[in-house]
Amino acid sequence: MPILEIRRHAYTKKGDGRGRGSHLSQASVELARRIGTASQQFDFVYTSTVPRTRETAIAMGFAVDEEIDALGLIPDDLATEMGHHDRWSWEHPFVTFRSL
């Protein structure tokens, strides 16, 4: 049976070190490496065009098959409705995304 696994990017730099595109911090690269070594292999790896998503996949040890613009885009009206990071506290965030 095919399995779709959705992962978020690792933590980004904070404050002045954040820079454009909010790249991963060194601690996040190390965390992604540890998680990657314990992960199964994937047939395909897709990321958004946001740099931190590609950086996370590569740090985990996975080549990126394709970057997809739509994976990183949330329309402004939808972001306003669900809050910026509030959605990750929802009981079933992806089920709620589907309904929205």
PDB file of N, CA and C in Angstrom:
ATOM      1  N   MET A   1       0.847  -1.168   0.000  1.00  0.00           N
ATOM      2  CA  MET A   1       0.000   0.000   0.000  1.00  0.00           C
ATOM      3  C   MET A   1       0.903   1.246   0.000  1.00  0.00           C
ATOM      4  N   PRO A   2       0.638   2.194  -0.881  1.00  0.00           N
ATOM      5  CA  PRO A   2       1.417   3.435  -0.889  1.00  0.00           C
ATOM      6  C   PRO A   2       1.188   4.235   0.392  1.00  0.00           C
ATOM      7  N   ILE A   3       2.246   4.869   0.847  1.00  0.00           N
ATOM      8  CA  ILE A   3       2.181   5.687   2.061  1.00  0.00           C
ATOM      9  C   ILE A   3       2.660   7.089   1.722  1.00  0.00           C
ATOM     10  N   LEU A   4       1.912   8.087   2.154  1.00  0.00           N
ATOM     11  CA  LEU A   4       2.311   9.485   2.010  1.00  0.00           C
ATOM     12  C   LEU A   4       2.719   9.977   3.386  1.00  0.00           C
ATOM     13  N   GLU A   5       3.955  10.401   3.509  1.00  0.00           N
ATOM     14  CA  GLU A   5       4.445  10.917   4.778  1.00  0.00           C
ATOM     15  C   GLU A   5       4.723  12.404   4.604  1.00  0.00           C
ATOM     16  N   ILE A   6       4.139  13.213   5.466  1.00  0.00           N
ATOM     17  CA  ILE A   6       4.304  14.669   5.394  1.00  0.00           C
ATOM     18  C   ILE A   6       5.122  15.109   6.590  1.00  0.00           C
ATOM     19  N   ARG A   7       6.196  15.815   6.320  1.00  0.00           N
ATOM     20  CA  ARG A   7       7.054  16.329   7.394  1.00  0.00           C
ATOM     21  C   ARG A   7       7.216  17.817   7.223  1.00  0.00           C
ATOM     22  N   ARG A   8       7.343  18.481   8.344  1.00  0.00           N
ATOM     23  CA  ARG A   8       7.647  19.912   8.318  1.00  0.00           C
ATOM     24  C   ARG A   8       9.150  20.094   8.335  1.00  0.00           C
ATOM     25  N   HIS A   9       9.561  21.275   7.960  1.00  0.00           N
ATOM     26  CA  HIS A   9      10.992  21.595   7.987  1.00  0.00           C
ATOM     27  C   HIS A   9      11.480  21.666   9.425  1.00  0.00           C
ATOM     28  N   ALA A  10      12.784  21.567   9.605  1.00  0.00           N
ATOM     29  CA  ALA A  10      13.393  21.718  10.925  1.00  0.00           C
ATOM     30  C   ALA A  10      13.368  23.192  11.327  1.00  0.00           C
ATOM     31  N   TYR A  11      13.756  23.473  12.559  1.00  0.00           N
ATOM     32  CA  TYR A  11      13.734  24.839  13.073  1.00  0.00           C
ATOM     33  C   TYR A  11      14.679  25.749  12.295  1.00  0.00           C
ATOM     34  N   THR A  12      14.289  27.008  12.196  1.00  0.00           N
ATOM     35  CA  THR A  12      15.103  27.987  11.482  1.00  0.00           C
ATOM     36  C   THR A  12      15.877  28.852  12.464  1.00  0.00           C
ATOM     37  N   LYS A  13      16.812  29.610  11.921  1.00  0.00           N
ATOM     38  CA  LYS A  13      17.569  30.567  12.722  1.00  0.00           C
ATOM     39  C   LYS A  13      16.606  31.619  13.257  1.00  0.00           C
ATOM     40  N   LYS A  14      16.953  32.216  14.373  1.00  0.00           N
ATOM     41  CA  LYS A  14      16.114  33.253  14.984  1.00  0.00           C
ATOM     42  C   LYS A  14      16.863  34.581  14.993  1.00  0.00           C
ATOM     43  N   GLY A  15      16.125  35.664  15.108  1.00  0.00           N
ATOM     44  CA  GLY A  15      16.717  36.990  15.238  1.00  0.00           C
ATOM     45  C   GLY A  15      17.462  37.425  13.993  1.00  0.00           C
ATOM     46  N   ASP A  16      18.556  38.157  14.181  1.00  0.00           N
ATOM     47  CA  ASP A  16      19.324  38.706  13.066  1.00  0.00           C
ATOM     48  C   ASP A  16      19.933  37.616  12.181  1.00  0.00           C
ATOM     49  N   GLY A  17      20.154  36.440  12.718  1.00  0.00           N
ATOM     50  CA  GLY A  17      20.747  35.348  11.946  1.00  0.00           C
ATOM     51  C   GLY A  17      19.787  34.699  10.973  1.00  0.00           C
ATOM     52  N   ARG A  18      18.509  35.054  11.054  1.00  0.00           N
ATOM     53  CA  ARG A  18      17.498  34.404  10.233  1.00  0.00           C
ATOM     54  C   ARG A  18      17.756  34.605   8.750  1.00  0.00           C
ATOM     55  N   GLY A  19      18.016  35.822   8.317  1.00  0.00           N
ATOM     56  CA  GLY A  19      18.318  36.085   6.908  1.00  0.00           C
ATOM     57  C   GLY A  19      17.130  35.852   5.993  1.00  0.00           C
ATOM     58  N   ARG A  20      17.371  35.951   4.715  1.00  0.00           N
ATOM     59  CA  ARG A  20      16.310  35.744   3.716  1.00  0.00           C
ATOM     60  C   ARG A  20      16.041  34.262   3.542  1.00  0.00           C
ATOM     61  N   GLY A  21      14.787  33.890   3.443  1.00  0.00           N
ATOM     62  CA  GLY A  21      14.424  32.499   3.217  1.00  0.00           C
ATOM     63  C   GLY A  21      14.454  31.645   4.464  1.00  0.00           C
ATOM     64  N   SER A  22      14.778  32.253   5.603  1.00  0.00           N
ATOM     65  CA  SER A  22      14.833  31.588   6.900  1.00  0.00           C
ATOM     66  C   SER A  22      15.464  30.199   6.819  1.00  0.00           C
ATOM     67  N   HIS A  23      16.758  30.187   6.632  1.00  0.00           N
ATOM     68  CA  HIS A  23      17.520  28.946   6.530  1.00  0.00           C
ATOM     69  C   HIS A  23      17.597  28.231   7.877  1.00  0.00           C
ATOM     70  N   LEU A  24      17.966  26.954   7.844  1.00  0.00           N
ATOM     71  CA  LEU A  24      18.065  26.152   9.058  1.00  0.00           C
ATOM     72  C   LEU A  24      19.241  26.592   9.921  1.00  0.00           C
ATOM     73  N   SER A  25      19.078  26.435  11.219  1.00  0.00           N
ATOM     74  CA  SER A  25      20.183  26.648  12.149  1.00  0.00           C
ATOM     75  C   SER A  25      21.061  25.400  12.139  1.00  0.00           C
ATOM     76  N   GLN A  26      22.262  25.508  12.662  1.00  0.00           N
ATOM     77  CA  GLN A  26      23.161  24.352  12.736  1.00  0.00           C
ATOM     78  C   GLN A  26      22.555  23.246  13.595  1.00  0.00           C
ATOM     79  N   ALA A  27      21.924  23.633  14.698  1.00  0.00           N
ATOM     80  CA  ALA A  27      21.288  22.630  15.563  1.00  0.00           C
ATOM     81  C   ALA A  27      20.199  21.875  14.800  1.00  0.00           C
ATOM     82  N   SER A  28      19.484  22.558  13.928  1.00  0.00           N
ATOM     83  CA  SER A  28      18.432  21.905  13.150  1.00  0.00           C
ATOM     84  C   SER A  28      18.996  20.965  12.103  1.00  0.00           C
ATOM     85  N   VAL A  29      20.116  21.337  11.503  1.00  0.00           N
ATOM     86  CA  VAL A  29      20.773  20.439  10.544  1.00  0.00           C
ATOM     87  C   VAL A  29      21.178  19.157  11.265  1.00  0.00           C
ATOM     88  N   GLU A  30      21.737  19.280  12.447  1.00  0.00           N
ATOM     89  CA  GLU A  30      22.152  18.103  13.213  1.00  0.00           C
ATOM     90  C   GLU A  30      20.950  17.239  13.601  1.00  0.00           C
ATOM     91  N   LEU A  31      19.845  17.879  14.003  1.00  0.00           N
ATOM     92  CA  LEU A  31      18.630  17.144  14.337  1.00  0.00           C
ATOM     93  C   LEU A  31      18.090  16.411  13.111  1.00  0.00           C
ATOM     94  N   ALA A  32      18.039  17.094  11.978  1.00  0.00           N
ATOM     95  CA  ALA A  32      17.545  16.468  10.747  1.00  0.00           C
ATOM     96  C   ALA A  32      18.415  15.276  10.354  1.00  0.00           C
ATOM     97  N   ARG A  33      19.730  15.374  10.550  1.00  0.00           N
ATOM     98  CA  ARG A  33      20.631  14.248  10.266  1.00  0.00           C
ATOM     99  C   ARG A  33      20.289  13.045  11.132  1.00  0.00           C
ATOM    100  N   ARG A  34      20.068  13.291  12.427  1.00  0.00           N
ATOM    101  CA  ARG A  34      19.730  12.179  13.342  1.00  0.00           C
ATOM    102  C   ARG A  34      18.400  11.536  12.945  1.00  0.00           C
ATOM    103  N   ILE A  35      17.419  12.351  12.633  1.00  0.00           N
ATOM    104  CA  ILE A  35      16.107  11.816  12.238  1.00  0.00           C
ATOM    105  C   ILE A  35      16.227  11.034  10.928  1.00  0.00           C
ATOM    106  N   GLY A  36      17.002  11.573  10.003  1.00  0.00           N
ATOM    107  CA  GLY A  36      17.178  10.919   8.709  1.00  0.00           C
ATOM    108  C   GLY A  36      17.793   9.541   8.811  1.00  0.00           C
ATOM    109  N   THR A  37      18.749   9.373   9.722  1.00  0.00           N
ATOM    110  CA  THR A  37      19.391   8.058   9.858  1.00  0.00           C
ATOM    111  C   THR A  37      18.431   7.012  10.412  1.00  0.00           C
ATOM    112  N   ALA A  38      17.396   7.444  11.117  1.00  0.00           N
ATOM    113  CA  ALA A  38      16.418   6.520  11.689  1.00  0.00           C
ATOM    114  C   ALA A  38      15.174   6.373  10.809  1.00  0.00           C
ATOM    115  N   SER A  39      15.151   7.057   9.675  1.00  0.00           N
ATOM    116  CA  SER A  39      13.971   7.045   8.799  1.00  0.00           C
ATOM    117  C   SER A  39      14.085   5.978   7.727  1.00  0.00           C
ATOM    118  N   GLN A  40      12.932   5.578   7.247  1.00  0.00           N
ATOM    119  CA  GLN A  40      12.887   4.680   6.103  1.00  0.00           C
ATOM    120  C   GLN A  40      13.281   5.454   4.844  1.00  0.00           C
ATOM    121  N   GLN A  41      13.597   4.730   3.800  1.00  0.00           N
ATOM    122  CA  GLN A  41      13.882   5.365   2.518  1.00  0.00           C
ATOM    123  C   GLN A  41      12.564   5.702   1.821  1.00  0.00           C
ATOM    124  N   PHE A  42      12.599   6.705   0.972  1.00  0.00           N
ATOM    125  CA  PHE A  42      11.402   7.142   0.258  1.00  0.00           C
ATOM    126  C   PHE A  42      11.611   6.972  -1.237  1.00  0.00           C
ATOM    127  N   ASP A  43      10.527   6.651  -1.936  1.00  0.00           N
ATOM    128  CA  ASP A  43      10.602   6.536  -3.393  1.00  0.00           C
ATOM    129  C   ASP A  43      10.723   7.908  -4.045  1.00  0.00           C
ATOM    130  N   PHE A  44      10.044   8.898  -3.473  1.00  0.00           N
ATOM    131  CA  PHE A  44      10.064  10.259  -3.997  1.00  0.00           C
ATOM    132  C   PHE A  44      10.114  11.234  -2.836  1.00  0.00           C
ATOM    133  N   VAL A  45      10.853  12.317  -2.997  1.00  0.00           N
ATOM    134  CA  VAL A  45      10.905  13.381  -1.994  1.00  0.00           C
ATOM    135  C   VAL A  45      10.584  14.693  -2.701  1.00  0.00           C
ATOM    136  N   TYR A  46       9.528  15.335  -2.235  1.00  0.00           N
ATOM    137  CA  TYR A  46       9.108  16.622  -2.779  1.00  0.00           C
ATOM    138  C   TYR A  46       9.194  17.665  -1.684  1.00  0.00           C
ATOM    139  N   THR A  47       9.630  18.855  -2.029  1.00  0.00           N
ATOM    140  CA  THR A  47       9.655  19.966  -1.083  1.00  0.00           C
ATOM    141  C   THR A  47       8.983  21.165  -1.729  1.00  0.00           C
ATOM    142  N   SER A  48       8.731  22.176  -0.920  1.00  0.00           N
ATOM    143  CA  SER A  48       8.290  23.447  -1.489  1.00  0.00           C
ATOM    144  C   SER A  48       9.528  24.164  -2.026  1.00  0.00           C
ATOM    145  N   THR A  49       9.363  25.339  -2.546  1.00  0.00           N
ATOM    146  CA  THR A  49      10.494  26.123  -3.042  1.00  0.00           C
ATOM    147  C   THR A  49      11.123  26.966  -1.939  1.00  0.00           C
ATOM    148  N   VAL A  50      10.596  26.862  -0.720  1.00  0.00           N
ATOM    149  CA  VAL A  50      11.156  27.577   0.427  1.00  0.00           C
ATOM    150  C   VAL A  50      12.458  26.867   0.818  1.00  0.00           C
ATOM    151  N   PRO A  51      13.592  27.585   0.871  1.00  0.00           N
ATOM    152  CA  PRO A  51      14.896  26.937   1.083  1.00  0.00           C
ATOM    153  C   PRO A  51      14.962  25.989   2.273  1.00  0.00           C
ATOM    154  N   ARG A  52      14.326  26.321   3.397  1.00  0.00           N
ATOM    155  CA  ARG A  52      14.441  25.480   4.596  1.00  0.00           C
ATOM    156  C   ARG A  52      13.857  24.086   4.385  1.00  0.00           C
ATOM    157  N   THR A  53      12.910  23.942   3.458  1.00  0.00           N
ATOM    158  CA  THR A  53      12.335  22.617   3.224  1.00  0.00           C
ATOM    159  C   THR A  53      13.328  21.733   2.472  1.00  0.00           C
ATOM    160  N   ARG A  54      13.992  22.278   1.481  1.00  0.00           N
ATOM    161  CA  ARG A  54      15.024  21.541   0.744  1.00  0.00           C
ATOM    162  C   ARG A  54      16.198  21.223   1.671  1.00  0.00           C
ATOM    163  N   GLU A  55      16.603  22.215   2.485  1.00  0.00           N
ATOM    164  CA  GLU A  55      17.720  22.012   3.414  1.00  0.00           C
ATOM    165  C   GLU A  55      17.429  20.873   4.385  1.00  0.00           C
ATOM    166  N   THR A  56      16.191  20.792   4.854  1.00  0.00           N
ATOM    167  CA  THR A  56      15.812  19.727   5.788  1.00  0.00           C
ATOM    168  C   THR A  56      15.915  18.365   5.118  1.00  0.00           C
ATOM    169  N   ALA A  57      15.365  18.239   3.917  1.00  0.00           N
ATOM    170  CA  ALA A  57      15.415  16.955   3.208  1.00  0.00           C
ATOM    171  C   ALA A  57      16.856  16.515   2.972  1.00  0.00           C
ATOM    172  N   ILE A  58      17.687  17.432   2.533  1.00  0.00           N
ATOM    173  CA  ILE A  58      19.080  17.092   2.247  1.00  0.00           C
ATOM    174  C   ILE A  58      19.825  16.730   3.532  1.00  0.00           C
ATOM    175  N   ALA A  59      19.595  17.487   4.603  1.00  0.00           N
ATOM    176  CA  ALA A  59      20.240  17.172   5.882  1.00  0.00           C
ATOM    177  C   ALA A  59      19.808  15.795   6.386  1.00  0.00           C
ATOM    178  N   MET A  60      18.574  15.393   6.061  1.00  0.00           N
ATOM    179  CA  MET A  60      18.099  14.070   6.454  1.00  0.00           C
ATOM    180  C   MET A  60      18.728  12.969   5.603  1.00  0.00           C
ATOM    181  N   GLY A  61      19.413  13.359   4.531  1.00  0.00           N
ATOM    182  CA  GLY A  61      20.071  12.381   3.676  1.00  0.00           C
ATOM    183  C   GLY A  61      19.270  11.988   2.455  1.00  0.00           C
ATOM    184  N   PHE A  62      18.258  12.792   2.103  1.00  0.00           N
ATOM    185  CA  PHE A  62      17.392  12.470   0.973  1.00  0.00           C
ATOM    186  C   PHE A  62      17.579  13.477  -0.154  1.00  0.00           C
ATOM    187  N   ALA A  63      17.778  12.977  -1.359  1.00  0.00           N
ATOM    188  CA  ALA A  63      17.817  13.839  -2.530  1.00  0.00           C
ATOM    189  C   ALA A  63      16.395  14.331  -2.812  1.00  0.00           C
ATOM    190  N   VAL A  64      16.276  15.555  -3.234  1.00  0.00           N
ATOM    191  CA  VAL A  64      14.969  16.129  -3.550  1.00  0.00           C
ATOM    192  C   VAL A  64      14.652  15.829  -5.010  1.00  0.00           C
ATOM    193  N   ASP A  65      13.511  15.168  -5.235  1.00  0.00           N
ATOM    194  CA  ASP A  65      13.095  14.841  -6.596  1.00  0.00           C
ATOM    195  C   ASP A  65      12.487  16.037  -7.314  1.00  0.00           C
ATOM    196  N   GLU A  66      11.761  16.850  -6.564  1.00  0.00           N
ATOM    197  CA  GLU A  66      11.120  18.008  -7.193  1.00  0.00           C
ATOM    198  C   GLU A  66      10.738  19.028  -6.129  1.00  0.00           C
ATOM    199  N   GLU A  67      10.871  20.300  -6.498  1.00  0.00           N
ATOM    200  CA  GLU A  67      10.370  21.395  -5.658  1.00  0.00           C
ATOM    201  C   GLU A  67       9.063  21.877  -6.278  1.00  0.00           C
ATOM    202  N   ILE A  68       8.033  21.972  -5.453  1.00  0.00           N
ATOM    203  CA  ILE A  68       6.705  22.315  -5.949  1.00  0.00           C
ATOM    204  C   ILE A  68       6.239  23.606  -5.285  1.00  0.00           C
ATOM    205  N   ASP A  69       5.994  24.629  -6.093  1.00  0.00           N
ATOM    206  CA  ASP A  69       5.576  25.938  -5.582  1.00  0.00           C
ATOM    207  C   ASP A  69       4.372  25.842  -4.648  1.00  0.00           C
ATOM    208  N   ALA A  70       3.365  25.078  -5.042  1.00  0.00           N
ATOM    209  CA  ALA A  70       2.109  25.049  -4.296  1.00  0.00           C
ATOM    210  C   ALA A  70       2.260  24.500  -2.886  1.00  0.00           C
ATOM    211  N   LEU A  71       3.303  23.727  -2.612  1.00  0.00           N
ATOM    212  CA  LEU A  71       3.470  23.175  -1.271  1.00  0.00           C
ATOM    213  C   LEU A  71       3.803  24.246  -0.242  1.00  0.00           C
ATOM    214  N   GLY A  72       4.337  25.366  -0.671  1.00  0.00           N
ATOM    215  CA  GLY A  72       4.718  26.417   0.261  1.00  0.00           C
ATOM    216  C   GLY A  72       3.743  27.571   0.307  1.00  0.00           C
ATOM    217  N   LEU A  73       2.686  27.505  -0.481  1.00  0.00           N
ATOM    218  CA  LEU A  73       1.772  28.634  -0.579  1.00  0.00           C
ATOM    219  C   LEU A  73       0.491  28.406   0.205  1.00  0.00           C
ATOM    220  N   ILE A  74       0.149  29.352   1.027  1.00  0.00           N
ATOM    221  CA  ILE A  74      -1.150  29.363   1.697  1.00  0.00           C
ATOM    222  C   ILE A  74      -1.751  30.724   1.386  1.00  0.00           C
ATOM    223  N   PRO A  75      -2.904  30.761   0.721  1.00  0.00           N
ATOM    224  CA  PRO A  75      -3.518  32.050   0.394  1.00  0.00           C
ATOM    225  C   PRO A  75      -3.719  32.903   1.653  1.00  0.00           C
ATOM    226  N   ASP A  76      -3.553  34.218   1.522  1.00  0.00           N
ATOM    227  CA  ASP A  76      -3.643  35.131   2.663  1.00  0.00           C
ATOM    228  C   ASP A  76      -4.946  34.985   3.435  1.00  0.00           C
ATOM    229  N   ASP A  77      -6.082  34.857   2.720  1.00  0.00           N
ATOM    230  CA  ASP A  77      -7.361  34.756   3.427  1.00  0.00           C
ATOM    231  C   ASP A  77      -7.451  33.475   4.249  1.00  0.00           C
ATOM    232  N   LEU A  78      -6.876  32.389   3.758  1.00  0.00           N
ATOM    233  CA  LEU A  78      -6.882  31.136   4.508  1.00  0.00           C
ATOM    234  C   LEU A  78      -5.942  31.236   5.710  1.00  0.00           C
ATOM    235  N   ALA A  79      -4.770  31.849   5.525  1.00  0.00           N
ATOM    236  CA  ALA A  79      -3.833  32.023   6.640  1.00  0.00           C
ATOM    237  C   ALA A  79      -4.457  32.868   7.743  1.00  0.00           C
ATOM    238  N   THR A  80      -5.222  33.888   7.358  1.00  0.00           N
ATOM    239  CA  THR A  80      -5.901  34.726   8.344  1.00  0.00           C
ATOM    240  C   THR A  80      -6.943  33.914   9.106  1.00  0.00           C
ATOM    241  N   GLU A  81      -7.681  33.080   8.386  1.00  0.00           N
ATOM    242  CA  GLU A  81      -8.742  32.282   9.008  1.00  0.00           C
ATOM    243  C   GLU A  81      -8.183  31.273  10.011  1.00  0.00           C
ATOM    244  N   MET A  82      -7.045  30.665   9.713  1.00  0.00           N
ATOM    245  CA  MET A  82      -6.551  29.598  10.577  1.00  0.00           C
ATOM    246  C   MET A  82      -5.377  30.020  11.449  1.00  0.00           C
ATOM    247  N   GLY A  83      -4.905  31.247  11.337  1.00  0.00           N
ATOM    248  CA  GLY A  83      -3.789  31.700  12.150  1.00  0.00           C
ATOM    249  C   GLY A  83      -2.465  31.236  11.567  1.00  0.00           C
ATOM    250  N   HIS A  84      -1.383  31.889  11.960  1.00  0.00           N
ATOM    251  CA  HIS A  84      -0.093  31.580  11.349  1.00  0.00           C
ATOM    252  C   HIS A  84       0.411  30.191  11.741  1.00  0.00           C
ATOM    253  N   HIS A  85       0.582  29.927  13.019  1.00  0.00           N
ATOM    254  CA  HIS A  85       1.032  28.602  13.472  1.00  0.00           C
ATOM    255  C   HIS A  85      -0.022  27.899  14.324  1.00  0.00           C
ATOM    256  N   ASP A  86      -1.171  28.524  14.484  1.00  0.00           N
ATOM    257  CA  ASP A  86      -2.229  27.930  15.300  1.00  0.00           C
ATOM    258  C   ASP A  86      -2.638  26.545  14.801  1.00  0.00           C
ATOM    259  N   ARG A  87      -2.559  26.364  13.495  1.00  0.00           N
ATOM    260  CA  ARG A  87      -3.033  25.113  12.893  1.00  0.00           C
ATOM    261  C   ARG A  87      -2.316  23.881  13.434  1.00  0.00           C
ATOM    262  N   TRP A  88      -1.092  24.023  13.929  1.00  0.00           N
ATOM    263  CA  TRP A  88      -0.360  22.854  14.402  1.00  0.00           C
ATOM    264  C   TRP A  88      -0.821  22.412  15.789  1.00  0.00           C
ATOM    265  N   SER A  89      -1.680  23.212  16.423  1.00  0.00           N
ATOM    266  CA  SER A  89      -2.250  22.793  17.698  1.00  0.00           C
ATOM    267  C   SER A  89      -3.617  22.130  17.506  1.00  0.00           C
ATOM    268  N   TRP A  90      -4.138  22.131  16.273  1.00  0.00           N
ATOM    269  CA  TRP A  90      -5.416  21.465  16.003  1.00  0.00           C
ATOM    270  C   TRP A  90      -5.262  19.965  16.226  1.00  0.00           C
ATOM    271  N   GLU A  91      -6.359  19.323  16.624  1.00  0.00           N
ATOM    272  CA  GLU A  91      -6.306  17.887  16.869  1.00  0.00           C
ATOM    273  C   GLU A  91      -5.936  17.104  15.607  1.00  0.00           C
ATOM    274  N   HIS A  92      -6.524  17.462  14.467  1.00  0.00           N
ATOM    275  CA  HIS A  92      -6.259  16.784  13.189  1.00  0.00           C
ATOM    276  C   HIS A  92      -6.015  17.844  12.116  1.00  0.00           C
ATOM    277  N   PRO A  93      -4.822  18.461  12.099  1.00  0.00           N
ATOM    278  CA  PRO A  93      -4.602  19.594  11.202  1.00  0.00           C
ATOM    279  C   PRO A  93      -4.813  19.280   9.723  1.00  0.00           C
ATOM    280  N   PHE A  94      -4.402  18.127   9.243  1.00  0.00           N
ATOM    281  CA  PHE A  94      -4.519  17.859   7.807  1.00  0.00           C
ATOM    282  C   PHE A  94      -5.960  17.543   7.412  1.00  0.00           C
ATOM    283  N   VAL A  95      -6.729  16.972   8.299  1.00  0.00           N
ATOM    284  CA  VAL A  95      -8.156  16.763   8.033  1.00  0.00           C
ATOM    285  C   VAL A  95      -8.841  18.132   7.952  1.00  0.00           C
ATOM    286  N   THR A  96      -8.474  19.033   8.853  1.00  0.00           N
ATOM    287  CA  THR A  96      -9.053  20.375   8.834  1.00  0.00           C
ATOM    288  C   THR A  96      -8.625  21.135   7.584  1.00  0.00           C
ATOM    289  N   PHE A  97      -7.360  20.996   7.171  1.00  0.00           N
ATOM    290  CA  PHE A  97      -6.914  21.620   5.921  1.00  0.00           C
ATOM    291  C   PHE A  97      -7.789  21.183   4.766  1.00  0.00           C
ATOM    292  N   ARG A  98      -8.038  19.881   4.697  1.00  0.00           N
ATOM    293  CA  ARG A  98      -8.848  19.352   3.597  1.00  0.00           C
ATOM    294  C   ARG A  98     -10.216  20.002   3.590  1.00  0.00           C
ATOM    295  N   SER A  99     -10.830  20.166   4.743  1.00  0.00           N
ATOM    296  CA  SER A  99     -12.173  20.759   4.796  1.00  0.00           C
ATOM    297  C   SER A  99     -12.163  22.243   4.438  1.00  0.00           C
ATOM    298  N   LEU A 100     -11.065  22.945   4.755  1.00  0.00           N
ATOM    299  CA  LEU A 100     -10.966  24.364   4.424  1.00  0.00           C
ATOM    300  C   LEU A 100     -10.726  24.554   2.942  1.00  0.00           C
TER     301      LEU A 100
END
